[in-house]
Amino acid sequence: MKKFTLFILMALSCAMANAQYKPAAKGSSVGFTIANFGFDVKGTFSGLQGNINFDAKTPATSNMDITIDAATVNTDNELRDKHLRDENYFDVKNYPTIHFVSAKITGKGDNYVATGQLTIKGKSRNINIPFTATVVNDEYLFKGSFKINRKDFGIGGTSTIANELEVFLTVATTKPDKGV
């Protein structure tokens, strides 16, 4: 019984050591760049939500579960954005969110890697997201980028856009009791 009680206390202390955060609307951004006919097209998403449990001293105990509202895609071209929301691209009617769940987080100092599953249009792929973590007023600012192949997620079919795109993340956090 003593071993079981000790195990429970250790598990609770690990859980409490990870401060829980939420993505803050202010200061957070999700952007992307993809080539189309040889020109870079840039865009953003908003509607970032989820839970982030992060401890820089013990990243192995950390995790992230984040969603983005796919309908918020914005390339500063209303006609293109409407097209991107259709079934050949993000199909936001049937797949309203883009979802990332970490399986593990590694690293030290200010440099980390979140390994996990990215799900777009019901298709999941394992990805690595290298990122930095900076403490700002007892909360975190995460910045990172990664590349994916749009065809892995059934986006765009035989479109004129490049297969590979780069995603840029800036995630400011807030503690849930402070509001977002």
N, C-alpha and C. Protein backbone atom coordinates (compact mmCIF):
# COMPACT_ATOMS: atom_id res chain seq x y z
N MET A 1 0.82 -1.19 0.00
CA MET A 1 0.00 0.00 0.00
C MET A 1 0.87 1.26 0.00
N LYS A 2 1.99 1.22 0.74
CA LYS A 2 2.87 2.38 0.78
C LYS A 2 3.45 2.68 -0.60
N LYS A 3 3.79 1.61 -1.36
CA LYS A 3 4.33 1.82 -2.71
C LYS A 3 3.28 2.45 -3.61
N PHE A 4 2.04 2.00 -3.49
CA PHE A 4 0.96 2.54 -4.31
C PHE A 4 0.73 4.01 -3.97
N THR A 5 0.71 4.36 -2.68
CA THR A 5 0.54 5.74 -2.27
C THR A 5 1.69 6.61 -2.77
N LEU A 6 2.92 6.10 -2.67
CA LEU A 6 4.08 6.83 -3.18
C LEU A 6 3.97 7.06 -4.68
N PHE A 7 3.53 6.03 -5.41
CA PHE A 7 3.35 6.15 -6.86
C PHE A 7 2.32 7.23 -7.19
N ILE A 8 1.20 7.25 -6.47
CA ILE A 8 0.16 8.26 -6.71
C ILE A 8 0.69 9.65 -6.42
N LEU A 9 1.42 9.81 -5.32
CA LEU A 9 1.98 11.11 -4.98
C LEU A 9 2.98 11.57 -6.04
N MET A 10 3.80 10.66 -6.54
CA MET A 10 4.77 11.02 -7.59
C MET A 10 4.05 11.41 -8.87
N ALA A 11 3.02 10.67 -9.22
CA ALA A 11 2.25 10.99 -10.44
C ALA A 11 1.59 12.36 -10.32
N LEU A 12 1.02 12.64 -9.15
CA LEU A 12 0.39 13.94 -8.94
C LEU A 12 1.41 15.06 -8.97
N SER A 13 2.58 14.85 -8.39
CA SER A 13 3.59 15.91 -8.41
C SER A 13 4.08 16.17 -9.82
N CYS A 14 4.20 15.13 -10.64
CA CYS A 14 4.60 15.32 -12.05
C CYS A 14 3.52 16.10 -12.79
N ALA A 15 2.28 15.75 -12.54
CA ALA A 15 1.18 16.44 -13.22
C ALA A 15 1.13 17.90 -12.79
N MET A 16 1.40 18.16 -11.52
CA MET A 16 1.36 19.54 -11.04
C MET A 16 2.57 20.34 -11.50
N ALA A 17 3.70 19.64 -11.76
CA ALA A 17 4.90 20.34 -12.22
C ALA A 17 4.69 20.92 -13.62
N ASN A 18 3.86 20.27 -14.41
CA ASN A 18 3.53 20.77 -15.75
C ASN A 18 2.44 21.82 -15.61
N ALA A 19 2.80 23.06 -15.83
CA ALA A 19 1.79 24.11 -15.79
C ALA A 19 0.93 23.99 -17.04
N GLN A 20 -0.35 24.06 -16.91
CA GLN A 20 -1.24 23.96 -18.06
C GLN A 20 -1.46 25.33 -18.66
N TYR A 21 -1.38 25.39 -19.99
CA TYR A 21 -1.56 26.63 -20.73
C TYR A 21 -2.56 26.42 -21.86
N LYS A 22 -3.06 27.52 -22.34
CA LYS A 22 -3.94 27.55 -23.51
C LYS A 22 -3.32 28.51 -24.52
N PRO A 23 -3.53 28.25 -25.81
CA PRO A 23 -3.08 29.23 -26.80
C PRO A 23 -3.87 30.53 -26.63
N ALA A 24 -3.19 31.64 -26.67
CA ALA A 24 -3.83 32.95 -26.56
C ALA A 24 -4.10 33.49 -27.96
N ALA A 25 -5.26 34.06 -28.17
CA ALA A 25 -5.58 34.63 -29.48
C ALA A 25 -4.61 35.76 -29.81
N LYS A 26 -4.34 36.60 -28.82
CA LYS A 26 -3.42 37.72 -29.03
C LYS A 26 -1.98 37.20 -28.97
N GLY A 27 -1.23 37.45 -30.02
CA GLY A 27 0.17 37.04 -30.06
C GLY A 27 0.42 35.70 -30.71
N SER A 28 -0.64 34.96 -31.05
CA SER A 28 -0.48 33.67 -31.72
C SER A 28 -0.79 33.79 -33.20
N SER A 29 -0.08 33.01 -34.00
CA SER A 29 -0.37 32.98 -35.44
C SER A 29 0.05 31.64 -36.03
N VAL A 30 -0.69 31.21 -37.03
CA VAL A 30 -0.36 30.02 -37.80
C VAL A 30 -0.35 30.46 -39.25
N GLY A 31 0.83 30.43 -39.85
CA GLY A 31 0.97 30.86 -41.24
C GLY A 31 1.52 29.75 -42.11
N PHE A 32 1.38 29.92 -43.39
CA PHE A 32 1.94 28.95 -44.33
C PHE A 32 2.40 29.65 -45.59
N THR A 33 3.32 29.00 -46.28
CA THR A 33 3.80 29.46 -47.58
C THR A 33 3.82 28.26 -48.51
N ILE A 34 3.26 28.44 -49.71
CA ILE A 34 3.26 27.39 -50.73
C ILE A 34 3.43 28.05 -52.09
N ALA A 35 4.17 27.41 -52.96
CA ALA A 35 4.38 27.95 -54.31
C ALA A 35 3.20 27.60 -55.21
N ASN A 36 2.80 28.57 -56.04
CA ASN A 36 1.76 28.38 -57.04
C ASN A 36 2.21 29.06 -58.32
N PHE A 37 2.41 28.31 -59.37
CA PHE A 37 2.96 28.83 -60.62
C PHE A 37 4.29 29.54 -60.40
N GLY A 38 5.08 29.04 -59.44
CA GLY A 38 6.39 29.61 -59.18
C GLY A 38 6.41 30.81 -58.25
N PHE A 39 5.25 31.26 -57.81
CA PHE A 39 5.17 32.39 -56.89
C PHE A 39 4.75 31.88 -55.51
N ASP A 40 5.32 32.48 -54.47
CA ASP A 40 4.94 32.09 -53.12
C ASP A 40 3.59 32.70 -52.75
N VAL A 41 2.70 31.85 -52.27
CA VAL A 41 1.42 32.29 -51.74
C VAL A 41 1.48 32.10 -50.24
N LYS A 42 1.18 33.16 -49.52
CA LYS A 42 1.22 33.12 -48.06
C LYS A 42 -0.21 33.18 -47.54
N GLY A 43 -0.41 32.52 -46.42
CA GLY A 43 -1.72 32.53 -45.80
C GLY A 43 -1.62 32.30 -44.31
N THR A 44 -2.75 32.44 -43.66
CA THR A 44 -2.82 32.24 -42.21
C THR A 44 -4.09 31.47 -41.85
N PHE A 45 -4.08 30.96 -40.64
CA PHE A 45 -5.27 30.39 -40.01
C PHE A 45 -5.40 31.07 -38.65
N SER A 46 -6.62 31.14 -38.15
CA SER A 46 -6.84 31.60 -36.78
C SER A 46 -7.74 30.58 -36.09
N GLY A 47 -8.20 30.89 -34.92
CA GLY A 47 -9.05 29.94 -34.21
C GLY A 47 -8.25 28.84 -33.54
N LEU A 48 -7.05 29.17 -33.09
CA LEU A 48 -6.17 28.22 -32.41
C LEU A 48 -6.72 27.95 -31.01
N GLN A 49 -6.91 26.66 -30.68
CA GLN A 49 -7.42 26.27 -29.37
C GLN A 49 -6.70 25.02 -28.91
N GLY A 50 -6.82 24.71 -27.63
CA GLY A 50 -6.27 23.47 -27.14
C GLY A 50 -5.65 23.59 -25.78
N ASN A 51 -4.87 22.57 -25.44
CA ASN A 51 -4.20 22.48 -24.15
C ASN A 51 -2.72 22.21 -24.37
N ILE A 52 -1.91 22.91 -23.60
CA ILE A 52 -0.47 22.73 -23.65
C ILE A 52 0.02 22.53 -22.23
N ASN A 53 0.58 21.37 -21.97
CA ASN A 53 1.22 21.10 -20.69
C ASN A 53 2.71 21.07 -20.99
N PHE A 54 3.44 22.03 -20.48
CA PHE A 54 4.85 22.14 -20.84
C PHE A 54 5.69 22.48 -19.63
N ASP A 55 6.78 21.73 -19.48
CA ASP A 55 7.78 21.99 -18.46
C ASP A 55 9.14 21.90 -19.13
N ALA A 56 9.81 23.02 -19.25
CA ALA A 56 11.10 23.07 -19.94
C ALA A 56 12.15 22.18 -19.28
N LYS A 57 12.05 21.96 -17.98
CA LYS A 57 13.03 21.14 -17.27
C LYS A 57 12.83 19.66 -17.52
N THR A 58 11.60 19.25 -17.77
CA THR A 58 11.30 17.85 -18.05
C THR A 58 10.34 17.76 -19.25
N PRO A 59 10.87 18.02 -20.46
CA PRO A 59 9.99 18.02 -21.63
C PRO A 59 9.31 16.67 -21.89
N ALA A 60 9.90 15.58 -21.42
CA ALA A 60 9.30 14.27 -21.64
C ALA A 60 7.94 14.14 -20.95
N THR A 61 7.67 14.96 -19.95
CA THR A 61 6.37 14.93 -19.27
C THR A 61 5.39 15.91 -19.89
N SER A 62 5.81 16.60 -20.94
CA SER A 62 4.98 17.63 -21.57
C SER A 62 4.14 17.03 -22.70
N ASN A 63 3.06 17.75 -23.06
CA ASN A 63 2.24 17.33 -24.20
C ASN A 63 1.44 18.51 -24.72
N MET A 64 0.97 18.34 -25.96
CA MET A 64 0.18 19.38 -26.62
C MET A 64 -0.98 18.73 -27.36
N ASP A 65 -2.11 19.38 -27.33
CA ASP A 65 -3.30 18.95 -28.07
C ASP A 65 -3.93 20.23 -28.60
N ILE A 66 -3.74 20.48 -29.89
CA ILE A 66 -4.08 21.78 -30.48
C ILE A 66 -4.99 21.59 -31.71
N THR A 67 -5.98 22.47 -31.86
CA THR A 67 -6.80 22.48 -33.06
C THR A 67 -6.81 23.89 -33.66
N ILE A 68 -7.04 23.91 -34.96
CA ILE A 68 -7.17 25.17 -35.71
C ILE A 68 -8.47 25.10 -36.49
N ASP A 69 -9.18 26.17 -36.55
CA ASP A 69 -10.41 26.26 -37.33
C ASP A 69 -10.04 26.37 -38.81
N ALA A 70 -10.27 25.29 -39.58
CA ALA A 70 -9.87 25.24 -40.99
C ALA A 70 -10.58 26.30 -41.83
N ALA A 71 -11.78 26.69 -41.44
CA ALA A 71 -12.55 27.68 -42.22
C ALA A 71 -11.94 29.08 -42.13
N THR A 72 -10.97 29.29 -41.25
CA THR A 72 -10.37 30.62 -41.09
C THR A 72 -9.21 30.85 -42.06
N VAL A 73 -8.98 29.92 -42.98
CA VAL A 73 -7.88 30.11 -43.93
C VAL A 73 -8.02 31.47 -44.61
N ASN A 74 -6.89 32.20 -44.66
CA ASN A 74 -6.92 33.56 -45.20
C ASN A 74 -5.64 33.82 -45.98
N THR A 75 -5.80 34.05 -47.29
CA THR A 75 -4.65 34.37 -48.15
C THR A 75 -4.76 35.79 -48.71
N ASP A 76 -5.63 36.59 -48.13
CA ASP A 76 -5.90 37.95 -48.61
C ASP A 76 -6.48 37.98 -50.02
N ASN A 77 -7.15 36.89 -50.39
CA ASN A 77 -7.83 36.80 -51.68
C ASN A 77 -9.12 36.02 -51.42
N GLU A 78 -10.23 36.73 -51.32
CA GLU A 78 -11.50 36.12 -50.93
C GLU A 78 -11.92 34.97 -51.85
N LEU A 79 -11.72 35.11 -53.15
CA LEU A 79 -12.09 34.05 -54.09
C LEU A 79 -11.24 32.80 -53.86
N ARG A 80 -9.94 32.99 -53.68
CA ARG A 80 -9.04 31.85 -53.43
C ARG A 80 -9.40 31.19 -52.09
N ASP A 81 -9.67 32.01 -51.06
CA ASP A 81 -10.01 31.46 -49.75
C ASP A 81 -11.27 30.61 -49.81
N LYS A 82 -12.27 31.07 -50.55
CA LYS A 82 -13.51 30.29 -50.72
C LYS A 82 -13.18 28.97 -51.39
N HIS A 83 -12.33 29.00 -52.40
CA HIS A 83 -11.91 27.79 -53.11
C HIS A 83 -11.17 26.83 -52.16
N LEU A 84 -10.32 27.37 -51.29
CA LEU A 84 -9.57 26.54 -50.34
C LEU A 84 -10.48 25.88 -49.31
N ARG A 85 -11.64 26.45 -49.06
CA ARG A 85 -12.59 25.86 -48.11
C ARG A 85 -13.40 24.72 -48.74
N ASP A 86 -13.41 24.64 -50.06
CA ASP A 86 -14.19 23.62 -50.77
C ASP A 86 -13.60 22.22 -50.58
N GLU A 87 -14.36 21.22 -51.04
CA GLU A 87 -14.00 19.81 -50.80
C GLU A 87 -12.67 19.38 -51.41
N ASN A 88 -12.20 20.00 -52.48
CA ASN A 88 -10.93 19.60 -53.08
C ASN A 88 -9.71 20.05 -52.26
N TYR A 89 -9.94 20.98 -51.37
CA TYR A 89 -8.84 21.47 -50.54
C TYR A 89 -9.12 21.09 -49.08
N PHE A 90 -9.55 22.01 -48.25
CA PHE A 90 -9.73 21.69 -46.83
C PHE A 90 -11.08 21.08 -46.49
N ASP A 91 -12.05 21.17 -47.37
CA ASP A 91 -13.37 20.57 -47.16
C ASP A 91 -13.88 20.88 -45.74
N VAL A 92 -13.96 22.17 -45.43
CA VAL A 92 -14.27 22.60 -44.07
C VAL A 92 -15.67 22.19 -43.61
N LYS A 93 -16.56 21.91 -44.55
CA LYS A 93 -17.90 21.46 -44.17
C LYS A 93 -17.82 20.11 -43.47
N ASN A 94 -16.99 19.21 -43.98
CA ASN A 94 -16.87 17.87 -43.41
C ASN A 94 -15.72 17.73 -42.42
N TYR A 95 -14.73 18.60 -42.52
CA TYR A 95 -13.54 18.55 -41.65
C TYR A 95 -13.25 19.95 -41.13
N PRO A 96 -13.99 20.39 -40.13
CA PRO A 96 -13.88 21.79 -39.68
C PRO A 96 -12.60 22.15 -38.95
N THR A 97 -11.83 21.15 -38.49
CA THR A 97 -10.62 21.49 -37.75
C THR A 97 -9.40 20.75 -38.29
N ILE A 98 -8.26 21.36 -38.04
CA ILE A 98 -6.95 20.75 -38.24
C ILE A 98 -6.45 20.46 -36.83
N HIS A 99 -5.92 19.26 -36.60
CA HIS A 99 -5.65 18.82 -35.23
C HIS A 99 -4.23 18.26 -35.10
N PHE A 100 -3.53 18.68 -34.06
CA PHE A 100 -2.21 18.11 -33.74
C PHE A 100 -2.21 17.64 -32.30
N VAL A 101 -1.75 16.39 -32.10
CA VAL A 101 -1.59 15.82 -30.77
C VAL A 101 -0.18 15.28 -30.66
N SER A 102 0.56 15.77 -29.67
CA SER A 102 1.93 15.30 -29.50
C SER A 102 1.94 13.92 -28.86
N ALA A 103 2.93 13.11 -29.26
CA ALA A 103 3.17 11.81 -28.63
C ALA A 103 4.36 11.93 -27.68
N LYS A 104 5.29 12.83 -28.03
CA LYS A 104 6.43 13.08 -27.14
C LYS A 104 7.03 14.44 -27.47
N ILE A 105 7.69 15.01 -26.48
CA ILE A 105 8.41 16.26 -26.64
C ILE A 105 9.81 16.05 -26.08
N THR A 106 10.80 16.40 -26.88
CA THR A 106 12.19 16.23 -26.47
C THR A 106 12.91 17.57 -26.61
N GLY A 107 14.09 17.66 -26.00
CA GLY A 107 14.91 18.85 -26.14
C GLY A 107 15.37 19.39 -24.80
N LYS A 108 16.11 20.50 -24.89
CA LYS A 108 16.56 21.18 -23.67
C LYS A 108 16.97 22.60 -24.04
N GLY A 109 17.22 23.40 -23.00
CA GLY A 109 17.54 24.80 -23.25
C GLY A 109 16.31 25.50 -23.76
N ASP A 110 16.42 26.10 -24.93
CA ASP A 110 15.27 26.76 -25.56
C ASP A 110 14.76 26.00 -26.77
N ASN A 111 15.43 24.88 -27.16
CA ASN A 111 15.11 24.16 -28.39
C ASN A 111 14.51 22.79 -28.11
N TYR A 112 13.36 22.57 -28.75
CA TYR A 112 12.59 21.34 -28.51
C TYR A 112 12.05 20.80 -29.83
N VAL A 113 11.55 19.56 -29.77
CA VAL A 113 10.86 18.96 -30.91
C VAL A 113 9.62 18.26 -30.38
N ALA A 114 8.47 18.62 -30.93
CA ALA A 114 7.21 17.93 -30.62
C ALA A 114 6.98 16.93 -31.73
N THR A 115 6.86 15.67 -31.38
CA THR A 115 6.58 14.59 -32.33
C THR A 115 5.15 14.15 -32.07
N GLY A 116 4.35 14.06 -33.13
CA GLY A 116 2.97 13.65 -32.92
C GLY A 116 2.22 13.52 -34.23
N GLN A 117 0.90 13.44 -34.11
CA GLN A 117 0.04 13.25 -35.27
C GLN A 117 -0.67 14.54 -35.66
N LEU A 118 -0.51 14.88 -36.94
CA LEU A 118 -1.24 15.99 -37.53
C LEU A 118 -2.36 15.39 -38.36
N THR A 119 -3.59 15.86 -38.13
CA THR A 119 -4.75 15.36 -38.87
C THR A 119 -5.38 16.50 -39.63
N ILE A 120 -5.47 16.32 -40.95
CA ILE A 120 -6.12 17.26 -41.85
C ILE A 120 -7.02 16.45 -42.76
N LYS A 121 -8.27 16.85 -42.89
CA LYS A 121 -9.25 16.15 -43.74
C LYS A 121 -9.37 14.67 -43.39
N GLY A 122 -9.28 14.35 -42.12
CA GLY A 122 -9.43 12.97 -41.68
C GLY A 122 -8.23 12.08 -41.92
N LYS A 123 -7.15 12.64 -42.45
CA LYS A 123 -5.93 11.87 -42.71
C LYS A 123 -4.87 12.30 -41.70
N SER A 124 -4.27 11.32 -41.03
CA SER A 124 -3.27 11.61 -40.01
C SER A 124 -1.90 11.17 -40.46
N ARG A 125 -0.91 11.99 -40.14
CA ARG A 125 0.49 11.69 -40.44
C ARG A 125 1.33 12.07 -39.22
N ASN A 126 2.37 11.28 -38.97
CA ASN A 126 3.33 11.61 -37.92
C ASN A 126 4.25 12.70 -38.43
N ILE A 127 4.44 13.73 -37.63
CA ILE A 127 5.33 14.83 -38.00
C ILE A 127 6.18 15.23 -36.80
N ASN A 128 7.25 15.94 -37.08
CA ASN A 128 8.09 16.55 -36.07
C ASN A 128 7.99 18.06 -36.23
N ILE A 129 7.81 18.75 -35.11
CA ILE A 129 7.76 20.21 -35.13
C ILE A 129 8.88 20.73 -34.25
N PRO A 130 10.00 21.17 -34.85
CA PRO A 130 11.03 21.82 -34.04
C PRO A 130 10.52 23.18 -33.58
N PHE A 131 10.77 23.53 -32.32
CA PHE A 131 10.29 24.81 -31.82
C PHE A 131 11.19 25.32 -30.70
N THR A 132 11.07 26.61 -30.46
CA THR A 132 11.73 27.23 -29.31
C THR A 132 10.66 27.58 -28.29
N ALA A 133 11.07 27.60 -27.04
CA ALA A 133 10.17 27.96 -25.95
C ALA A 133 10.83 29.06 -25.13
N THR A 134 10.17 30.20 -25.07
CA THR A 134 10.69 31.35 -24.33
C THR A 134 9.70 31.72 -23.24
N VAL A 135 10.18 31.89 -22.03
CA VAL A 135 9.30 32.31 -20.93
C VAL A 135 9.03 33.80 -21.07
N VAL A 136 7.75 34.15 -21.03
CA VAL A 136 7.32 35.55 -21.10
C VAL A 136 6.27 35.75 -20.00
N ASN A 137 6.62 36.51 -18.97
CA ASN A 137 5.68 36.79 -17.87
C ASN A 137 5.05 35.53 -17.28
N ASP A 138 5.87 34.54 -16.96
CA ASP A 138 5.41 33.29 -16.34
C ASP A 138 4.55 32.44 -17.27
N GLU A 139 4.58 32.74 -18.56
CA GLU A 139 3.89 31.94 -19.57
C GLU A 139 4.91 31.66 -20.67
N TYR A 140 4.49 31.02 -21.75
CA TYR A 140 5.44 30.67 -22.81
C TYR A 140 5.07 31.30 -24.14
N LEU A 141 6.11 31.50 -24.93
CA LEU A 141 5.96 31.86 -26.34
C LEU A 141 6.71 30.78 -27.10
N PHE A 142 5.96 30.00 -27.89
CA PHE A 142 6.53 28.94 -28.71
C PHE A 142 6.61 29.42 -30.15
N LYS A 143 7.75 29.16 -30.80
CA LYS A 143 7.91 29.48 -32.22
C LYS A 143 8.54 28.30 -32.92
N GLY A 144 8.01 27.97 -34.09
CA GLY A 144 8.57 26.85 -34.84
C GLY A 144 8.05 26.83 -36.26
N SER A 145 8.59 25.91 -37.03
CA SER A 145 8.12 25.71 -38.40
C SER A 145 8.38 24.27 -38.80
N PHE A 146 7.62 23.82 -39.78
CA PHE A 146 7.79 22.47 -40.30
C PHE A 146 7.23 22.43 -41.72
N LYS A 147 7.63 21.40 -42.47
CA LYS A 147 7.15 21.21 -43.83
C LYS A 147 6.31 19.94 -43.91
N ILE A 148 5.28 20.01 -44.75
CA ILE A 148 4.44 18.84 -45.01
C ILE A 148 4.15 18.76 -46.50
N ASN A 149 3.73 17.59 -46.93
CA ASN A 149 3.29 17.37 -48.30
C ASN A 149 1.77 17.42 -48.30
N ARG A 150 1.20 18.36 -49.03
CA ARG A 150 -0.26 18.54 -49.05
C ARG A 150 -0.97 17.28 -49.54
N LYS A 151 -0.33 16.52 -50.44
CA LYS A 151 -0.96 15.32 -50.99
C LYS A 151 -1.12 14.22 -49.94
N ASP A 152 -0.27 14.23 -48.89
CA ASP A 152 -0.42 13.27 -47.80
C ASP A 152 -1.77 13.43 -47.10
N PHE A 153 -2.37 14.61 -47.23
CA PHE A 153 -3.62 14.91 -46.56
C PHE A 153 -4.79 15.07 -47.55
N GLY A 154 -4.56 14.74 -48.82
CA GLY A 154 -5.62 14.81 -49.81
C GLY A 154 -6.05 16.23 -50.13
N ILE A 155 -5.10 17.16 -50.11
CA ILE A 155 -5.43 18.56 -50.36
C ILE A 155 -4.97 18.98 -51.75
N GLY A 156 -5.89 19.49 -52.55
CA GLY A 156 -5.53 20.11 -53.81
C GLY A 156 -5.46 19.22 -55.03
N GLY A 157 -5.55 17.92 -54.89
CA GLY A 157 -5.54 17.03 -56.05
C GLY A 157 -4.38 17.30 -56.99
N THR A 158 -4.67 17.50 -58.28
CA THR A 158 -3.64 17.77 -59.29
C THR A 158 -3.51 19.26 -59.56
N SER A 159 -3.61 20.04 -58.54
CA SER A 159 -3.56 21.49 -58.62
C SER A 159 -2.20 21.98 -59.12
N THR A 160 -2.13 23.26 -59.47
CA THR A 160 -0.88 23.88 -59.91
C THR A 160 0.02 24.27 -58.74
N ILE A 161 -0.46 24.09 -57.50
CA ILE A 161 0.35 24.45 -56.35
C ILE A 161 1.40 23.36 -56.08
N ALA A 162 2.48 23.76 -55.44
CA ALA A 162 3.55 22.82 -55.10
C ALA A 162 3.02 21.77 -54.12
N ASN A 163 3.69 20.63 -54.08
CA ASN A 163 3.27 19.59 -53.15
C ASN A 163 3.69 19.92 -51.72
N GLU A 164 4.86 20.54 -51.57
CA GLU A 164 5.37 20.83 -50.23
C GLU A 164 5.03 22.26 -49.82
N LEU A 165 4.63 22.41 -48.57
CA LEU A 165 4.40 23.73 -48.02
C LEU A 165 5.05 23.82 -46.66
N GLU A 166 5.34 25.04 -46.24
CA GLU A 166 5.94 25.26 -44.94
C GLU A 166 4.94 25.97 -44.04
N VAL A 167 4.86 25.49 -42.80
CA VAL A 167 3.96 26.05 -41.80
C VAL A 167 4.81 26.74 -40.74
N PHE A 168 4.39 27.94 -40.36
CA PHE A 168 5.09 28.75 -39.36
C PHE A 168 4.16 28.96 -38.16
N LEU A 169 4.66 28.66 -36.98
CA LEU A 169 3.84 28.77 -35.77
C LEU A 169 4.43 29.78 -34.79
N THR A 170 3.59 30.60 -34.26
CA THR A 170 3.90 31.43 -33.11
C THR A 170 2.72 31.24 -32.16
N VAL A 171 2.99 30.65 -31.02
CA VAL A 171 1.92 30.36 -30.08
C VAL A 171 2.24 31.02 -28.74
N ALA A 172 1.51 32.08 -28.46
CA ALA A 172 1.59 32.72 -27.15
C ALA A 172 0.62 31.97 -26.25
N THR A 173 1.02 31.75 -25.01
CA THR A 173 0.14 31.01 -24.12
C THR A 173 -0.38 31.90 -22.99
N THR A 174 -1.44 31.40 -22.40
CA THR A 174 -1.99 32.02 -21.21
C THR A 174 -2.43 30.91 -20.29
N LYS A 175 -2.45 31.18 -19.01
CA LYS A 175 -2.96 30.19 -18.06
C LYS A 175 -4.48 30.27 -18.09
N PRO A 176 -5.15 29.11 -18.03
CA PRO A 176 -6.61 29.10 -18.15
C PRO A 176 -7.32 30.02 -17.18
N ASP A 177 -6.78 30.20 -15.98
CA ASP A 177 -7.45 31.06 -15.02
C ASP A 177 -7.34 32.55 -15.35
N LYS A 178 -6.46 32.88 -16.30
CA LYS A 178 -6.30 34.28 -16.74
C LYS A 178 -7.23 34.62 -17.90
N GLY A 179 -7.76 33.59 -18.59
CA GLY A 179 -8.58 33.81 -19.77
C GLY A 179 -7.70 33.90 -21.00
N VAL A 180 -8.33 33.79 -22.17
CA VAL A 180 -7.58 33.83 -23.43
C VAL A 180 -7.94 34.99 -24.29
